[in-house]
């Protein structure tokens, strides 16, 4: 299968936006039940999404975790109800890296926000389907999906998409307009995945992206990228 088959977006009506109305905010699905763990992978200096998520779902330091080995301190002006661990997400564990296995083993309904500049591929390649099924919902930014860039070859990127395709449905897509357009598609692609058990007999999405008042350009001074074509929209 081509990457397009693994990037098909499915219809899901109950969506909200958390975080600011530019880079750092994401659209998520409103699912039944709660989350037992929240993970922010890749922090930098913008955590408005984590702030809003933690407030909405009444999370705390015991079940909320932030990872970033590139910063010294967590930006606590957003929230202090989160445990900061100064490590990068990777396929292995050592002093400076974690594969999140210690959380995946402990929790069963995890929400993951992950934007780690290409590191998403090595981490995803290290997971099995049982581990992926622990994630109730994922918002992820993929980088350079259509070539061998970002220190990962195209074939391995397709393997990552296939893994997620087997356990989750994409319910939302947004192009990061800080990046370029490659092969007609944004080089940075923000996708929202929900575990397949929350969507029975799904239909393909027919609504064009971006959606007004839900999607906003990452860079507010230039126009948002249009995603009104397959695989994002089935017209």
Protein backbone atom coordinates (compact mmCIF):
# COMPACT_ATOMS: atom_id res chain seq x y z
CA UNK A 1 0.00 0.00 0.00
CA UNK A 2 1.11 3.58 -0.64
CA UNK A 3 1.37 6.16 2.12
CA UNK A 4 -1.97 7.61 0.97
CA UNK A 5 -3.83 4.45 1.98
CA UNK A 6 -2.46 4.76 5.50
CA UNK A 7 -3.33 8.48 5.72
CA UNK A 8 -7.05 8.19 5.08
CA UNK A 9 -9.09 10.39 7.42
CA UNK A 10 -12.35 9.11 8.88
CA UNK A 11 -15.43 11.07 9.84
CA UNK A 12 -15.74 12.01 13.51
CA UNK A 13 -18.19 14.72 14.53
CA UNK A 14 -17.19 15.55 18.09
CA UNK A 15 -13.99 17.57 17.85
CA UNK A 16 -12.59 20.42 19.91
CA UNK A 17 -9.43 22.50 19.87
CA UNK A 18 -7.11 22.80 22.83
CA UNK A 19 -4.16 25.21 23.06
CA UNK A 20 -3.62 28.52 21.30
CA UNK A 21 -4.99 29.39 17.86
CA UNK A 22 -1.60 28.98 16.17
CA UNK A 23 1.45 26.70 16.48
CA UNK A 24 1.02 24.69 19.68
CA UNK A 25 -2.73 24.12 19.51
CA UNK A 26 -4.30 20.87 18.26
CA UNK A 27 -7.70 19.44 17.38
CA UNK A 28 -8.75 16.33 19.31
CA UNK A 29 -11.75 14.02 19.39
CA UNK A 30 -14.07 14.02 22.39
CA UNK A 31 -14.19 10.35 23.43
CA UNK A 32 -16.17 8.51 26.07
CA UNK A 33 -14.48 8.01 29.43
CA UNK A 34 -11.34 9.54 30.87
CA UNK A 35 -7.59 9.22 30.44
CA UNK A 36 -5.33 7.64 33.04
CA UNK A 37 -2.15 9.24 31.66
CA UNK A 38 -1.17 12.35 29.68
CA UNK A 39 2.18 12.59 27.88
CA UNK A 40 3.66 15.67 26.23
CA UNK A 41 6.61 14.57 24.08
CA UNK A 42 8.55 17.58 22.85
CA UNK A 43 8.01 20.72 24.89
CA UNK A 44 10.29 23.56 23.77
CA UNK A 45 8.65 26.71 25.19
CA UNK A 46 4.96 26.33 24.22
CA UNK A 47 2.64 24.21 26.34
CA UNK A 48 -0.79 25.79 25.95
CA UNK A 49 -2.20 22.45 24.76
CA UNK A 50 -0.93 20.65 27.87
CA UNK A 51 -2.34 23.41 30.07
CA UNK A 52 -5.79 23.10 28.49
CA UNK A 53 -5.77 19.30 28.46
CA UNK A 54 -4.69 18.98 32.09
CA UNK A 55 -7.34 21.50 33.17
CA UNK A 56 -10.12 19.89 31.13
CA UNK A 57 -9.46 16.34 32.28
CA UNK A 58 -8.32 17.21 35.83
CA UNK A 59 -4.93 15.57 35.43
CA UNK A 60 -2.05 16.03 37.90
CA UNK A 61 1.64 15.37 38.47
CA UNK A 62 0.98 11.71 39.20
CA UNK A 63 -0.46 11.00 35.75
CA UNK A 64 0.88 13.82 33.54
CA UNK A 65 4.40 13.75 32.12
CA UNK A 66 6.44 16.01 29.86
CA UNK A 67 9.62 14.95 28.05
CA UNK A 68 12.25 17.10 26.37
CA UNK A 69 16.00 16.65 26.64
CA UNK A 70 16.72 19.90 24.77
CA UNK A 71 15.44 22.33 27.43
CA UNK A 72 16.64 23.04 30.97
CA UNK A 73 13.32 23.69 32.71
CA UNK A 74 9.65 23.11 31.96
CA UNK A 75 7.74 26.35 31.17
CA UNK A 76 5.67 26.33 34.37
CA UNK A 77 3.88 29.54 33.39
CA UNK A 78 1.54 27.16 31.48
CA UNK A 79 0.99 24.56 34.21
CA UNK A 80 2.74 23.07 37.23
CA UNK A 81 0.46 20.02 37.32
CA UNK A 82 2.87 17.94 35.29
CA UNK A 83 6.05 15.95 35.97
CA UNK A 84 8.93 17.09 33.75
CA UNK A 85 11.54 14.50 32.74
CA UNK A 86 14.59 15.88 30.92
CA UNK A 87 14.87 13.09 28.36
CA UNK A 88 14.22 12.73 24.64
CA UNK A 89 11.85 10.13 23.19
CA UNK A 90 13.75 7.37 21.41
CA UNK A 91 13.74 3.63 20.71
CA UNK A 92 15.81 2.83 23.82
CA UNK A 93 16.34 3.83 27.44
CA UNK A 94 19.44 5.46 28.91
CA UNK A 95 20.40 8.56 30.88
CA UNK A 96 19.20 10.94 28.16
CA UNK A 97 16.53 8.92 26.32
CA UNK A 98 13.33 7.01 27.02
CA UNK A 99 11.04 4.80 24.95
CA UNK A 100 8.18 5.51 27.40
CA UNK A 101 7.92 1.80 28.26
CA UNK A 102 7.66 2.54 32.00
CA UNK A 103 4.45 4.50 31.35
CA UNK A 104 3.04 2.23 28.64
CA UNK A 105 3.30 -0.74 31.02
CA UNK A 106 1.58 1.13 33.87
CA UNK A 107 -1.30 2.89 32.10
CA UNK A 108 -4.04 1.75 29.69
CA UNK A 109 -5.82 4.89 28.41
CA UNK A 110 -3.01 7.23 27.45
CA UNK A 111 -3.26 10.55 25.61
CA UNK A 112 -0.05 11.39 23.74
CA UNK A 113 0.93 14.72 22.20
CA UNK A 114 4.16 14.24 20.27
CA UNK A 115 6.22 16.65 18.16
CA UNK A 116 9.86 15.62 18.30
CA UNK A 117 11.32 16.75 14.97
CA UNK A 118 11.64 13.43 13.18
CA UNK A 119 12.31 11.33 16.29
CA UNK A 120 8.74 10.03 16.07
CA UNK A 121 9.81 7.40 13.53
CA UNK A 122 12.46 5.59 15.61
CA UNK A 123 10.10 5.51 18.57
CA UNK A 124 7.14 4.18 16.58
CA UNK A 125 9.30 1.52 14.95
CA UNK A 126 10.21 0.22 18.41
CA UNK A 127 6.58 -0.38 19.48
CA UNK A 128 4.39 -3.42 18.99
CA UNK A 129 0.63 -3.43 18.47
CA UNK A 130 -0.10 -4.28 22.11
CA UNK A 131 1.84 -1.20 23.22
CA UNK A 132 0.16 1.05 20.67
CA UNK A 133 -3.25 -0.10 21.87
CA UNK A 134 -2.52 1.50 25.25
CA UNK A 135 -2.91 4.89 23.56
CA UNK A 136 -6.50 6.10 23.57
CA UNK A 137 -5.69 9.16 21.46
CA UNK A 138 -2.59 10.58 19.81
CA UNK A 139 -1.84 13.95 18.25
CA UNK A 140 1.39 13.72 16.31
CA UNK A 141 3.32 15.88 13.89
CA UNK A 142 5.02 13.83 11.20
CA UNK A 143 7.99 15.35 9.39
CA UNK A 144 8.99 14.62 5.80
CA UNK A 145 6.67 11.65 5.26
CA UNK A 146 7.29 11.39 1.54
CA UNK A 147 11.05 10.95 1.24
CA UNK A 148 14.19 9.87 3.13
CA UNK A 149 14.58 13.11 5.10
CA UNK A 150 14.65 13.65 8.90
CA UNK A 151 17.08 10.76 9.47
CA UNK A 152 14.57 8.12 8.44
CA UNK A 153 14.10 6.37 5.11
CA UNK A 154 10.76 6.37 3.31
CA UNK A 155 10.15 2.63 3.74
CA UNK A 156 10.46 2.90 7.52
CA UNK A 157 8.08 5.86 7.52
CA UNK A 158 5.49 3.76 5.69
CA UNK A 159 5.97 1.04 8.33
CA UNK A 160 5.20 3.60 11.04
CA UNK A 161 2.01 4.69 9.26
CA UNK A 162 0.99 1.05 8.80
CA UNK A 163 1.45 0.33 12.51
CA UNK A 164 -0.80 3.23 13.48
CA UNK A 165 -3.27 2.30 10.76
CA UNK A 166 -3.69 -1.14 12.36
CA UNK A 167 -4.60 0.22 15.79
CA UNK A 168 -6.01 3.72 15.26
CA UNK A 169 -8.12 5.84 12.91
CA UNK A 170 -7.07 9.30 11.75
CA UNK A 171 -9.93 11.71 12.48
CA UNK A 172 -8.23 15.04 11.74
CA UNK A 173 -5.40 16.38 9.58
CA UNK A 174 -3.70 19.77 9.44
CA UNK A 175 -0.68 21.02 7.52
CA UNK A 176 2.00 22.99 9.36
CA UNK A 177 2.53 26.11 7.27
CA UNK A 178 5.90 26.77 8.89
CA UNK A 179 7.16 23.99 6.61
CA UNK A 180 7.24 23.69 2.83
CA UNK A 181 5.01 21.77 0.42
CA UNK A 182 6.56 18.52 -0.84
CA UNK A 183 4.90 16.42 -3.56
CA UNK A 184 1.78 18.53 -3.14
CA UNK A 185 1.48 17.85 0.60
CA UNK A 186 2.80 19.79 3.63
CA UNK A 187 6.22 18.64 4.81
CA UNK A 188 4.93 18.89 8.39
CA UNK A 189 1.63 17.05 8.92
CA UNK A 190 -0.34 17.18 12.19
CA UNK A 191 -2.61 14.15 12.60
CA UNK A 192 -5.11 13.17 15.28
CA UNK A 193 -5.51 9.43 15.88
CA UNK A 194 -8.12 7.70 18.05
CA UNK A 195 -8.06 4.07 19.11
CA UNK A 196 -10.21 1.96 16.78
CA UNK A 197 -12.45 0.76 19.60
CA UNK A 198 -14.00 4.25 19.74
CA UNK A 199 -15.21 4.28 16.15
CA UNK A 200 -17.26 1.40 14.76
CA UNK A 201 -17.99 1.07 11.02
CA UNK A 202 -16.38 4.45 10.20
CA UNK A 203 -17.03 6.43 7.04
CA UNK A 204 -14.33 8.33 5.22
CA UNK A 205 -14.15 12.04 5.91
CA UNK A 206 -15.89 14.36 3.43
CA UNK A 207 -15.17 17.70 5.13
CA UNK A 208 -12.40 19.85 3.68
CA UNK A 209 -9.47 20.92 5.85
CA UNK A 210 -8.77 23.36 7.37
CA UNK A 211 -12.09 23.66 9.20
CA UNK A 212 -13.05 27.28 10.05
CA UNK A 213 -12.96 28.14 13.78
CA UNK A 214 -11.33 24.78 14.55
CA UNK A 215 -8.11 24.91 12.53
CA UNK A 216 -5.76 27.88 12.57
CA UNK A 217 -2.45 28.41 10.73
CA UNK A 218 0.66 27.52 12.73
CA UNK A 219 2.19 30.69 11.34
CA UNK A 220 -0.62 33.26 11.70
CA UNK A 221 0.78 35.74 9.20
CA UNK A 222 0.46 33.44 6.17
CA UNK A 223 -2.41 31.39 4.78
CA UNK A 224 -3.12 27.91 6.09
CA UNK A 225 -2.43 24.93 3.82
CA UNK A 226 -5.40 23.47 1.96
CA UNK A 227 -6.03 19.73 2.49
CA UNK A 228 -9.16 19.30 0.39
CA UNK A 229 -8.02 16.19 -1.50
CA UNK A 230 -7.51 12.45 -1.01
CA UNK A 231 -6.46 10.89 1.35
CA UNK A 232 -7.58 13.65 3.72
CA UNK A 233 -10.98 14.17 2.08
CA UNK A 234 -12.98 11.57 0.19
CA UNK A 235 -15.01 13.64 -2.26
